[in-house]
Amino acid sequence: MAYTTVTSNCTRNSFKVDELQEGCLYYFRVLAVNEHGVGLAAETKDPVKIAEVPMPPSLHWVRVNKECVCDLTFQTTKLHKGCQYEFRVYAENAAGLSLPSDPSPLTNAEDPQCVPSPPSKPKVIDSTKNSITIIWNKPLMDGGSPVTGYNVEYKKTEEEDWIVAAENTKNTEYTVAGLTSGAEYVFVVKSVNKIGVSDPSAHSVPQVAKERVEEPTFQVDKEMHRTLVVKHNTSFTLKVQFKGKPVPSVMWQKEDVNLKDSATIYTNDNSTSITVEKATRNDSGKYTVTLDNSIGTAALTLDVKVLDSPGPPSKLSIKEVTKDSLILTWDAPDNDGGDPVKNYHVEKHEASKKAWVSVTNNCHHLTYEENAEYFFRVRAENYAGLSEPKDINNLFMVLFLVFIESPEFDLKNFPHNTVYVRAGSNLTFEIPLTGKPLPKLTISKDNFKTITADKITFTWDPPVDEGGAKVTHYVVEKRETSRVAWSVISEELEECYISVEKLIRSNEYIFRVRGVNKYGIGDPLESEPVVAKDAFGK
């Protein structure tokens, strides 16, 4: 037999041979070469057919044991599953090592295969008068070969012979049908793989073929116990899973509402649902579903919250108008739509235009052009959306004129020391004042702006603490210091000043003011006594 040299320059312990003819048989050999010459050849024992994957030649032996082996047996580990191995053994004495034994036959590293272990003990989960349903768990060991199916067998408890109900079924649940009503049965299951059939499992608990009864129960998760929040004019569905034998009747209820007219209810043997279309705030509340059969009852309550957009803000007013800015104020909506107002949107349009333009969704201070007329409106926003402006009263027009200027004093040349004046003499002083239009000027001592023999004008500041609600108006009263009774001057005063007329000359008066909000009337603030007389006693 002639060999053909494939390569004479291979420095590794592997080499790929190309250009072989498919279907032909080949022998291969390898010879080691060093500076002293060529060694003996290692040859393949059997011819290799090119259509198959050839096994590499046994060119390198690896010692398995690290310590001496005194027995005639040895267990080797850390093999690669599916690979083929050869083994050989040396004997050793004081003189040294023997020649190696002949190699062992090629052996695949794989687990030995056998029939699987039995499945777990079958458990009865349902029954009727003619059938019984059982379940079981997979075997702990598959015998080195995957389990392909299960055999199910049964018999009456008083009989000896087993009846095969199913062979090689793939599932771990099976319903045995065709049973005698009222008879008692036991069941076993066997595992199957390609090697064979396992021993039978332990017997199931005896079960009579009869209709199974079970108290109704709900099968819900934690999410079902949370409040369902939906927006106004959208639909929502509440679906609940349940079980019970016999199948329970189902009833949905909501206080003061006939759900059969306002909702769609669907029920089958293991679930029920209710759907409400175009939900409104009236659809908020508790929905109770009740199950009932001959064994017992069960009830479950689900919460639904329908959110609407809030009502419009109220009492829109304008303050501190200058030539290029203003401040808008308003009250929160009376109806928040079921969810707190989180924001306000301010819109404007010029009197010469119709389109509304968004100014801001967090308004505090606005800036505008001079000589322009603007309309304003405010809308509240919550989770459900934006409110609508209430009515035309929510629209305000403001004219920003070039001649509007805030009033200002020029006190640069005004004396800051105390000025002494003889009683009965006249006092005249001039203070430069600017403002467009010309501001109204009043001179006061403390809170009393004007004091004459028949008229007193005084002011006050709003309360620091409004009691949790905006002060809407004030009640003003007076009394003479010589009397105890108070008389009402005004009960619906919205400003923080008042002029009291028709006083008695030279009488001494005390005034008091009380703030009013939606919760009631506050404590009074009293003035110092003041005499109704003209200046300098005239």
Protein backbone atom coordinates (compact mmCIF):
# COMPACT_ATOMS: atom_id res chain seq x y z
CA MET A 1 0.00 0.00 0.00
CA ALA A 2 1.50 3.31 -1.14
CA TYR A 3 1.15 6.52 0.95
CA THR A 4 1.13 9.99 -0.58
CA THR A 5 2.75 12.87 1.34
CA VAL A 6 0.15 15.52 2.19
CA THR A 7 2.53 17.93 3.91
CA SER A 8 6.10 17.82 5.22
CA ASN A 9 6.00 21.12 7.11
CA CYS A 10 3.28 20.70 9.79
CA THR A 11 4.35 22.06 13.22
CA ARG A 12 1.02 21.48 15.00
CA ASN A 13 -0.68 18.31 16.18
CA SER A 14 -3.59 18.72 13.75
CA PHE A 15 -3.89 19.22 10.01
CA LYS A 16 -6.76 19.63 7.56
CA VAL A 17 -6.51 17.47 4.44
CA ASP A 18 -8.23 18.98 1.39
CA GLU A 19 -9.13 17.77 -2.11
CA LEU A 20 -10.31 14.32 -1.06
CA GLN A 21 -12.85 12.45 -3.18
CA GLU A 22 -16.26 11.94 -1.62
CA GLY A 23 -17.17 8.28 -1.11
CA CYS A 24 -13.56 7.03 -1.20
CA LEU A 25 -11.85 5.25 1.68
CA TYR A 26 -8.54 6.62 2.99
CA TYR A 27 -5.87 5.58 5.49
CA PHE A 28 -3.77 8.28 7.17
CA ARG A 29 -0.50 8.16 9.07
CA VAL A 30 1.64 10.76 10.84
CA LEU A 31 5.41 10.66 11.34
CA ALA A 32 7.31 12.92 13.76
CA VAL A 33 10.58 14.52 12.57
CA ASN A 34 13.46 16.05 14.56
CA GLU A 35 17.09 16.86 13.85
CA HIS A 36 18.06 13.22 14.16
CA GLY A 37 15.56 11.88 11.68
CA VAL A 38 12.03 10.53 11.16
CA GLY A 39 10.19 8.55 13.82
CA LEU A 40 7.76 5.66 13.57
CA ALA A 41 4.34 6.30 12.04
CA ALA A 42 1.04 6.46 13.88
CA GLU A 43 -1.67 5.05 11.60
CA THR A 44 -5.46 5.05 11.54
CA LYS A 45 -6.69 1.56 12.32
CA ASP A 46 -9.71 1.67 10.03
CA PRO A 47 -10.21 3.38 6.69
CA VAL A 48 -12.07 6.69 6.80
CA LYS A 49 -14.93 7.33 4.40
CA ILE A 50 -15.01 10.93 3.28
CA ALA A 51 -18.79 11.15 3.60
CA GLU A 52 -18.39 10.75 7.35
CA VAL A 53 -16.59 12.88 9.94
CA PRO A 54 -13.31 11.07 10.63
CA MET A 55 -12.09 10.51 14.18
CA PRO A 56 -8.75 12.13 14.91
CA PRO A 57 -5.85 9.69 15.17
CA SER A 58 -4.65 8.74 18.65
CA LEU A 59 -1.51 10.80 18.56
CA HIS A 60 -1.33 12.03 22.15
CA TRP A 61 -2.00 10.08 25.34
CA VAL A 62 -2.87 11.94 28.55
CA ARG A 63 -2.15 10.51 31.99
CA VAL A 64 -5.39 10.32 34.00
CA ASN A 65 -4.26 9.51 37.53
CA LYS A 66 -1.97 11.79 39.53
CA GLU A 67 -1.39 9.32 42.37
CA CYS A 68 -0.55 5.63 42.25
CA VAL A 69 -3.44 3.24 41.65
CA CYS A 70 -3.12 0.01 43.63
CA ASP A 71 -6.48 -1.50 42.66
CA LEU A 72 -7.43 -3.09 39.38
CA THR A 73 -10.20 -0.50 38.81
CA PHE A 74 -10.13 3.28 38.39
CA GLN A 75 -12.85 5.92 37.89
CA THR A 76 -11.94 8.81 35.61
CA THR A 77 -13.87 12.13 35.67
CA LYS A 78 -14.07 15.44 33.81
CA LEU A 79 -14.84 13.81 30.47
CA HIS A 80 -16.67 15.67 27.72
CA LYS A 81 -20.17 14.34 27.14
CA GLY A 82 -20.58 12.77 23.71
CA CYS A 83 -16.83 12.40 23.01
CA GLN A 84 -15.13 9.04 22.36
CA TYR A 85 -12.18 7.88 24.46
CA GLU A 86 -9.56 5.09 24.47
CA PHE A 87 -7.74 4.03 27.63
CA ARG A 88 -4.52 2.03 28.29
CA VAL A 89 -2.75 1.00 31.51
CA TYR A 90 0.92 0.70 32.62
CA ALA A 91 2.17 -1.58 35.40
CA GLU A 92 4.95 -0.29 37.67
CA ASN A 93 7.39 -1.95 40.10
CA ALA A 94 10.74 -1.04 41.60
CA ALA A 95 12.46 -1.59 38.26
CA GLY A 96 10.18 0.87 36.39
CA LEU A 97 7.21 1.01 34.04
CA SER A 98 6.00 -1.77 31.81
CA LEU A 99 4.97 -1.39 28.23
CA PRO A 100 1.36 -0.08 27.85
CA SER A 101 -1.53 -2.43 27.54
CA ASP A 102 -3.49 -2.61 24.33
CA PRO A 103 -5.93 0.35 24.06
CA SER A 104 -9.49 -0.22 25.21
CA PRO A 105 -12.30 -0.09 22.68
CA LEU A 106 -13.59 3.39 21.81
CA THR A 107 -16.14 4.38 24.45
CA ASN A 108 -18.70 7.26 24.30
CA ALA A 109 -18.81 9.45 27.41
CA GLU A 110 -22.56 9.47 28.13
CA ASP A 111 -24.90 8.49 30.92
CA PRO A 112 -26.27 4.96 30.84
CA GLN A 113 -29.89 4.77 29.70
CA CYS A 114 -32.73 2.97 31.44
CA VAL A 115 -36.45 3.26 31.98
CA PRO A 116 -37.52 6.45 33.87
CA SER A 117 -38.68 6.60 37.46
CA PRO A 118 -42.46 6.66 38.12
CA PRO A 119 -44.37 9.98 38.14
CA SER A 120 -45.71 11.43 41.36
CA LYS A 121 -48.87 10.14 42.99
CA PRO A 122 -51.91 11.17 40.88
CA LYS A 123 -54.23 13.78 42.40
CA VAL A 124 -57.95 14.02 41.66
CA ILE A 125 -58.95 17.60 40.73
CA ASP A 126 -62.46 17.12 39.33
CA SER A 127 -65.19 14.56 38.91
CA THR A 128 -68.63 14.05 37.41
CA LYS A 129 -70.97 11.11 37.60
CA ASN A 130 -69.24 9.53 34.58
CA SER A 131 -65.65 10.90 34.63
CA ILE A 132 -62.73 11.74 36.93
CA THR A 133 -59.86 14.13 36.13
CA ILE A 134 -56.38 13.57 37.59
CA ILE A 135 -53.05 15.40 37.45
CA TRP A 136 -49.47 14.30 38.30
CA ASN A 137 -45.89 15.60 38.28
CA LYS A 138 -43.07 14.50 35.99
CA PRO A 139 -40.69 11.77 37.24
CA LEU A 140 -37.59 12.78 39.15
CA MET A 141 -35.33 10.82 36.75
CA ASP A 142 -35.82 10.29 33.03
CA GLY A 143 -33.36 7.33 32.81
CA GLY A 144 -30.96 9.22 30.58
CA SER A 145 -33.55 9.54 27.80
CA PRO A 146 -36.33 12.14 27.58
CA VAL A 147 -39.79 11.08 28.76
CA THR A 148 -42.00 10.78 25.69
CA GLY A 149 -45.37 10.22 27.37
CA TYR A 150 -47.42 8.62 30.15
CA ASN A 151 -49.69 5.60 30.50
CA VAL A 152 -52.79 6.07 32.68
CA GLU A 153 -54.46 3.05 34.31
CA TYR A 154 -57.40 2.70 36.68
CA LYS A 155 -59.58 0.13 38.43
CA LYS A 156 -62.43 -0.09 40.87
CA THR A 157 -61.18 -0.35 44.44
CA GLU A 158 -62.70 -3.79 44.96
CA GLU A 159 -61.24 -5.26 41.73
CA GLU A 160 -57.76 -6.60 40.95
CA ASP A 161 -57.30 -6.00 37.23
CA TRP A 162 -56.09 -2.64 35.95
CA ILE A 163 -57.62 -1.01 32.87
CA VAL A 164 -55.50 1.12 30.52
CA ALA A 165 -57.21 4.49 30.03
CA ALA A 166 -54.51 6.16 27.91
CA GLU A 167 -51.14 5.23 26.38
CA ASN A 168 -48.32 7.67 25.77
CA THR A 169 -50.38 10.79 26.53
CA LYS A 170 -48.19 13.88 26.41
CA ASN A 171 -49.87 15.97 29.16
CA THR A 172 -49.69 15.62 32.93
CA GLU A 173 -53.47 15.86 33.22
CA TYR A 174 -56.04 13.40 32.00
CA THR A 175 -59.80 12.88 32.27
CA VAL A 176 -60.89 9.25 32.47
CA ALA A 177 -64.37 8.98 30.97
CA GLY A 178 -66.96 6.22 30.72
CA LEU A 179 -66.99 5.45 34.47
CA THR A 180 -69.89 3.96 36.42
CA SER A 181 -71.79 6.55 38.43
CA GLY A 182 -71.36 6.00 42.17
CA ALA A 183 -68.44 3.54 41.80
CA GLU A 184 -65.12 4.18 43.60
CA TYR A 185 -61.89 4.20 41.55
CA VAL A 186 -58.11 4.47 42.05
CA PHE A 187 -55.54 5.55 39.45
CA VAL A 188 -51.83 5.03 38.65
CA VAL A 189 -49.56 6.59 36.01
CA LYS A 190 -46.42 5.20 34.32
CA SER A 191 -43.61 7.17 32.60
CA VAL A 192 -42.45 6.20 29.10
CA ASN A 193 -39.14 6.82 27.30
CA LYS A 194 -37.44 5.12 24.37
CA ILE A 195 -35.99 2.44 26.67
CA GLY A 196 -39.34 1.37 28.09
CA VAL A 197 -42.09 1.91 30.66
CA SER A 198 -41.47 2.76 34.32
CA ASP A 199 -43.01 1.10 37.34
CA PRO A 200 -46.47 2.42 38.27
CA SER A 201 -46.80 5.44 40.52
CA ALA A 202 -48.37 5.28 43.96
CA HIS A 203 -52.15 4.80 43.94
CA SER A 204 -54.31 7.90 43.98
CA VAL A 205 -56.74 8.53 46.81
CA PRO A 206 -59.96 6.57 46.06
CA GLN A 207 -62.54 8.78 44.35
CA VAL A 208 -66.25 8.15 43.71
CA ALA A 209 -67.54 9.06 40.28
CA LYS A 210 -70.07 11.77 41.18
CA GLU A 211 -70.71 15.43 40.61
CA ARG A 212 -68.11 17.42 42.56
CA VAL A 213 -69.31 20.28 44.80
CA GLU A 214 -67.19 23.32 45.57
CA GLU A 215 -67.91 26.57 47.36
CA PRO A 216 -67.72 29.58 44.98
CA THR A 217 -64.52 31.64 45.21
CA PHE A 218 -62.98 34.52 43.27
CA GLN A 219 -59.61 34.29 41.52
CA VAL A 220 -58.30 37.86 41.56
CA ASP A 221 -54.91 39.50 42.01
CA LYS A 222 -53.90 42.60 43.97
CA GLU A 223 -54.56 44.89 41.00
CA MET A 224 -58.28 44.13 41.18
CA HIS A 225 -58.43 45.55 44.72
CA ARG A 226 -57.11 48.95 43.59
CA THR A 227 -59.44 51.76 42.57
CA LEU A 228 -59.96 51.87 38.81
CA VAL A 229 -59.57 55.48 37.59
CA VAL A 230 -61.11 56.39 34.21
CA LYS A 231 -61.79 59.63 32.40
CA HIS A 232 -65.21 61.09 31.74
CA ASN A 233 -66.92 59.91 28.54
CA THR A 234 -64.68 56.84 28.16
CA SER A 235 -65.66 53.19 28.64
CA PHE A 236 -64.38 50.73 31.25
CA THR A 237 -64.74 46.97 31.89
CA LEU A 238 -64.50 45.05 35.16
CA LYS A 239 -63.71 41.34 34.58
CA VAL A 240 -63.52 38.75 37.36
CA GLN A 241 -62.48 35.07 37.24
CA PHE A 242 -64.20 32.61 39.61
CA LYS A 243 -64.78 28.91 40.25
CA GLY A 244 -67.37 26.77 41.99
CA LYS A 245 -69.33 23.51 41.59
CA PRO A 246 -72.10 23.54 40.63
CA VAL A 247 -71.46 26.66 38.54
CA PRO A 248 -72.65 29.59 40.70
CA SER A 249 -75.13 32.23 39.66
CA VAL A 250 -73.69 35.76 39.26
CA MET A 251 -75.24 39.12 40.21
CA TRP A 252 -73.74 42.62 39.78
CA GLN A 253 -74.97 45.46 42.01
CA LYS A 254 -74.37 49.19 42.54
CA GLU A 255 -76.25 51.27 45.08
CA ASP A 256 -79.32 53.04 43.67
CA VAL A 257 -78.49 51.95 40.09
CA ASN A 258 -80.07 49.28 37.86
CA LEU A 259 -76.97 47.95 36.12
CA LYS A 260 -78.99 45.89 33.67
CA ASP A 261 -80.15 49.16 32.10
CA SER A 262 -76.93 51.20 32.33
CA ALA A 263 -74.25 48.55 31.66
CA THR A 264 -73.50 45.39 29.66
CA ILE A 265 -72.98 42.22 31.71
CA TYR A 266 -71.46 38.99 30.31
CA THR A 267 -71.06 35.74 32.29
CA ASN A 268 -69.81 32.21 31.52
CA ASP A 269 -68.89 29.18 33.66
CA ASN A 270 -65.68 30.69 35.07
CA SER A 271 -65.73 34.47 34.55
CA THR A 272 -68.01 37.50 34.51
CA SER A 273 -67.58 41.06 33.28
CA ILE A 274 -69.45 44.38 33.29
CA THR A 275 -68.86 47.17 30.76
CA VAL A 276 -69.98 50.80 31.07
CA GLU A 277 -69.90 52.96 27.93
CA LYS A 278 -69.31 56.74 28.02
CA ALA A 279 -68.82 56.86 31.76
CA THR A 280 -69.90 59.92 33.76
CA ARG A 281 -69.25 61.03 37.33
CA ASN A 282 -72.44 59.16 38.31
CA ASP A 283 -70.72 55.90 37.36
CA SER A 284 -68.17 56.35 40.15
CA GLY A 285 -68.63 54.18 43.22
CA LYS A 286 -68.55 50.59 44.43
CA TYR A 287 -69.55 47.69 42.18
CA THR A 288 -70.34 44.44 44.00
CA VAL A 289 -70.43 41.02 42.28
CA THR A 290 -72.01 38.13 44.20
CA LEU A 291 -71.61 34.38 43.50
CA ASP A 292 -74.13 31.86 44.79
CA ASN A 293 -74.53 28.08 44.55
CA SER A 294 -75.92 25.29 46.75
CA ILE A 295 -72.71 25.21 48.84
CA GLY A 296 -72.32 28.89 49.69
CA THR A 297 -71.93 32.48 48.52
CA ALA A 298 -69.06 34.90 47.91
CA ALA A 299 -68.99 38.66 47.26
CA LEU A 300 -66.35 41.00 45.85
CA THR A 301 -66.50 44.83 45.78
CA LEU A 302 -64.59 46.83 43.18
CA ASP A 303 -64.04 50.62 43.29
CA VAL A 304 -64.34 52.85 40.23
CA LYS A 305 -63.55 56.57 40.09
CA VAL A 306 -64.62 58.56 37.04
CA LEU A 307 -62.82 61.89 36.64
CA ASP A 308 -64.24 64.84 34.77
CA SER A 309 -62.58 68.07 33.77
CA PRO A 310 -62.98 70.73 36.47
CA GLY A 311 -65.50 73.56 36.49
CA PRO A 312 -64.34 77.01 35.35
CA PRO A 313 -62.45 79.27 37.75
CA SER A 314 -64.52 82.06 39.28
CA LYS A 315 -64.11 85.74 40.21
CA LEU A 316 -61.48 86.54 37.62
CA SER A 317 -60.11 90.01 38.38
CA ILE A 318 -57.29 92.27 37.24
CA LYS A 319 -54.86 94.16 39.45
CA GLU A 320 -51.82 96.40 39.09
CA VAL A 321 -52.33 97.47 35.49
CA THR A 322 -49.38 99.43 34.10
CA LYS A 323 -48.42 100.43 30.59
CA ASP A 324 -46.90 97.01 29.86
CA SER A 325 -48.12 94.51 32.48
CA LEU A 326 -50.94 93.38 34.76
CA ILE A 327 -51.70 90.73 37.38
CA LEU A 328 -54.68 88.34 37.03
CA THR A 329 -56.27 86.69 40.06
CA TRP A 330 -59.10 84.14 40.34
CA ASP A 331 -60.74 81.65 42.70
CA ALA A 332 -60.47 77.87 42.38
CA PRO A 333 -63.40 76.11 40.65
CA ASP A 334 -66.33 75.08 42.85
CA ASN A 335 -66.23 71.65 41.16
CA ASP A 336 -62.80 70.04 40.77
CA GLY A 337 -64.14 67.13 38.65
CA GLY A 338 -63.23 64.54 41.28
CA ASP A 339 -59.48 65.22 41.09
CA PRO A 340 -57.48 68.15 42.52
CA VAL A 341 -56.75 71.01 40.11
CA LYS A 342 -53.09 70.71 39.20
CA ASN A 343 -52.73 73.71 36.92
CA TYR A 344 -54.33 76.71 35.31
CA HIS A 345 -54.17 77.79 31.65
CA VAL A 346 -54.36 81.52 30.81
CA GLU A 347 -55.38 82.61 27.33
CA LYS A 348 -55.68 86.00 25.64
CA HIS A 349 -56.82 87.57 22.41
CA GLU A 350 -56.56 91.10 21.13
CA ALA A 351 -59.81 92.97 20.64
CA SER A 352 -59.05 93.20 16.92
CA LYS A 353 -58.63 89.41 16.60
CA LYS A 354 -60.81 86.38 17.32
CA ALA A 355 -58.24 83.66 17.96
CA TRP A 356 -57.32 82.81 21.53
CA VAL A 357 -53.60 82.45 22.21
CA SER A 358 -52.14 80.52 25.14
CA VAL A 359 -50.17 82.79 27.45
CA THR A 360 -49.01 80.32 30.07
CA ASN A 361 -50.11 77.29 32.07
CA ASN A 362 -48.64 78.68 35.28
CA CYS A 363 -49.64 82.33 35.32
CA HIS A 364 -48.29 84.83 37.84
CA HIS A 365 -47.34 87.98 35.88
CA LEU A 366 -48.04 89.03 32.28
CA THR A 367 -46.37 91.60 30.01
CA TYR A 368 -48.01 93.29 26.99
CA GLU A 369 -47.65 96.03 24.41
CA GLU A 370 -48.80 99.62 24.90
CA ASN A 371 -51.96 100.92 23.21
CA ALA A 372 -53.36 97.39 22.76
CA GLU A 373 -56.69 96.02 23.95
CA TYR A 374 -56.76 92.43 25.28
CA PHE A 375 -59.37 89.92 26.44
CA PHE A 376 -58.38 87.26 29.02
CA ARG A 377 -59.81 83.96 30.22
CA VAL A 378 -58.60 81.24 32.63
CA ARG A 379 -59.26 77.49 32.51
CA ALA A 380 -58.50 74.93 35.24
CA GLU A 381 -56.80 71.61 34.49
CA ASN A 382 -56.82 68.26 36.35
CA TYR A 383 -56.07 64.62 35.42
CA ALA A 384 -59.15 64.47 33.16
CA GLY A 385 -58.41 67.62 31.18
CA LEU A 386 -59.25 71.33 30.85
CA SER A 387 -62.35 73.14 32.06
CA GLU A 388 -64.38 75.49 29.89
CA PRO A 389 -64.62 79.24 30.61
CA LYS A 390 -67.72 79.73 32.72
CA ASP A 391 -69.41 82.54 30.75
CA ILE A 392 -68.81 86.00 29.30
CA ASN A 393 -68.08 87.24 32.82
CA ASN A 394 -64.83 85.33 32.64
CA LEU A 395 -63.67 87.57 29.77
CA PHE A 396 -61.94 90.82 30.66
CA MET A 397 -60.80 93.57 28.31
CA VAL A 398 -57.86 95.71 29.32
CA LEU A 399 -56.54 98.75 27.43
CA PHE A 400 -52.82 99.34 27.90
CA LEU A 401 -52.38 103.10 27.19
CA VAL A 402 -49.08 104.89 26.74
CA PHE A 403 -49.99 107.51 29.35
CA ILE A 404 -50.47 104.98 32.19
CA GLU A 405 -47.73 105.45 34.78
CA SER A 406 -47.66 104.39 38.41
CA PRO A 407 -47.65 107.32 40.95
CA GLU A 408 -44.29 108.26 42.45
CA PHE A 409 -43.08 110.90 44.96
CA ASP A 410 -39.81 112.84 44.56
CA LEU A 411 -38.57 113.29 48.15
CA LYS A 412 -35.01 114.23 47.23
CA ASN A 413 -35.35 117.86 48.47
CA PHE A 414 -37.98 117.23 51.16
CA PRO A 415 -36.78 117.77 54.75
CA HIS A 416 -36.60 114.57 56.79
CA ASN A 417 -36.40 116.23 60.23
CA THR A 418 -39.40 117.07 62.44
CA VAL A 419 -41.16 120.35 61.51
CA TYR A 420 -42.58 122.36 64.42
CA VAL A 421 -45.66 124.54 63.83
CA ARG A 422 -47.36 126.93 66.25
CA ALA A 423 -50.93 125.91 67.12
CA GLY A 424 -53.42 127.86 65.05
CA SER A 425 -50.89 128.58 62.28
CA ASN A 426 -51.09 127.26 58.75
CA LEU A 427 -48.71 124.55 57.46
CA THR A 428 -47.92 124.35 53.76
CA PHE A 429 -45.54 121.87 52.12
CA GLU A 430 -44.95 120.90 48.50
CA ILE A 431 -43.91 117.40 47.30
CA PRO A 432 -43.22 116.72 43.59
CA LEU A 433 -45.60 113.94 42.40
CA THR A 434 -45.72 112.11 39.06
CA GLY A 435 -48.25 109.65 37.59
CA LYS A 436 -50.40 109.20 34.48
CA PRO A 437 -53.29 109.70 34.73
CA LEU A 438 -52.89 112.13 37.62
CA PRO A 439 -53.29 110.06 40.81
CA LYS A 440 -55.86 110.87 43.50
CA LEU A 441 -54.11 112.26 46.58
CA THR A 442 -55.16 111.92 50.21
CA ILE A 443 -53.29 112.98 53.33
CA SER A 444 -53.87 110.97 56.49
CA LYS A 445 -52.67 110.59 60.01
CA ASP A 446 -52.28 106.88 60.85
CA ASN A 447 -55.33 105.06 59.29
CA PHE A 448 -57.69 108.08 59.38
CA LYS A 449 -57.55 109.80 56.00
CA THR A 450 -60.11 112.57 56.63
CA ILE A 451 -61.57 113.90 59.90
CA THR A 452 -64.18 116.70 59.91
CA ALA A 453 -67.11 117.63 62.13
CA ASP A 454 -69.55 115.46 60.12
CA LYS A 455 -67.38 113.00 58.16
CA ILE A 456 -64.55 110.57 58.97
CA THR A 457 -62.71 108.47 56.36
CA PHE A 458 -60.47 105.59 57.47
CA THR A 459 -58.75 102.51 56.02
CA TRP A 460 -57.50 99.09 57.17
CA ASP A 461 -55.39 96.23 55.84
CA PRO A 462 -56.80 92.78 54.92
CA PRO A 463 -56.32 90.11 57.61
CA VAL A 464 -52.99 88.24 57.57
CA ASP A 465 -54.82 84.94 58.27
CA GLU A 466 -57.96 84.52 56.14
CA GLY A 467 -59.01 81.30 57.92
CA GLY A 468 -58.53 79.00 54.94
CA ALA A 469 -60.93 80.86 52.60
CA LYS A 470 -60.76 84.23 50.86
CA VAL A 471 -62.36 87.20 52.65
CA THR A 472 -65.33 88.24 50.51
CA HIS A 473 -66.43 91.43 52.31
CA TYR A 474 -66.35 93.38 55.56
CA VAL A 475 -68.87 94.46 58.23
CA VAL A 476 -68.21 97.99 59.58
CA GLU A 477 -69.78 99.29 62.83
CA LYS A 478 -69.51 102.40 65.05
CA ARG A 479 -70.47 103.55 68.52
CA GLU A 480 -70.11 106.67 70.59
CA THR A 481 -67.70 106.24 73.48
CA SER A 482 -70.46 107.32 75.84
CA ARG A 483 -72.67 104.41 74.69
CA VAL A 484 -72.39 100.62 74.77
CA ALA A 485 -74.45 99.65 71.71
CA TRP A 486 -72.84 99.29 68.27
CA SER A 487 -74.64 100.37 65.09
CA VAL A 488 -73.96 98.85 61.65
CA ILE A 489 -72.58 101.21 59.01
CA SER A 490 -72.12 98.63 56.18
CA GLU A 491 -72.56 94.81 55.92
CA GLU A 492 -71.40 94.18 52.32
CA LEU A 493 -68.29 96.34 51.98
CA GLU A 494 -65.68 94.87 49.65
CA GLU A 495 -63.08 97.68 49.82
CA CYS A 496 -60.66 98.29 52.70
CA TYR A 497 -61.78 101.88 53.32
CA ILE A 498 -65.00 103.75 54.13
CA SER A 499 -66.27 107.33 54.63
CA VAL A 500 -68.68 107.66 57.54
CA GLU A 501 -70.98 110.72 57.31
CA LYS A 502 -73.78 112.31 59.36
CA LEU A 503 -71.75 112.32 62.57
CA ILE A 504 -72.51 114.54 65.57
CA ARG A 505 -70.04 117.41 65.91
CA SER A 506 -67.58 117.04 68.81
CA ASN A 507 -68.80 113.51 69.66
CA GLU A 508 -66.12 110.88 70.21
CA TYR A 509 -66.47 107.65 68.19
CA ILE A 510 -64.94 104.17 68.02
CA PHE A 511 -65.11 102.15 64.81
CA ARG A 512 -64.64 98.40 64.30
CA VAL A 513 -64.27 96.14 61.21
CA ARG A 514 -64.86 92.37 60.86
CA GLY A 515 -63.87 90.22 57.89
CA VAL A 516 -66.32 87.71 56.38
CA ASN A 517 -65.53 84.51 54.38
CA LYS A 518 -67.61 81.48 53.48
CA TYR A 519 -67.12 80.04 56.97
CA GLY A 520 -68.48 83.06 58.85
CA ILE A 521 -67.57 86.40 60.48
CA GLY A 522 -64.14 86.98 62.07
CA ASP A 523 -63.13 88.77 65.24
CA PRO A 524 -63.41 92.61 65.17
CA LEU A 525 -60.57 95.13 64.78
CA GLU A 526 -61.31 98.32 66.78
CA SER A 527 -59.94 101.82 66.13
CA GLU A 528 -58.68 104.29 68.67
CA PRO A 529 -61.31 106.87 69.82
CA VAL A 530 -61.57 109.80 67.38
CA VAL A 531 -63.50 113.10 67.76
CA ALA A 532 -65.64 114.41 64.92
CA LYS A 533 -64.39 117.96 64.56
CA ASP A 534 -62.79 120.22 62.03
CA ALA A 535 -59.08 120.86 62.03
CA PHE A 536 -57.81 123.10 64.80
CA GLY A 537 -61.13 122.85 66.61
CA LYS A 538 -63.09 124.92 64.09
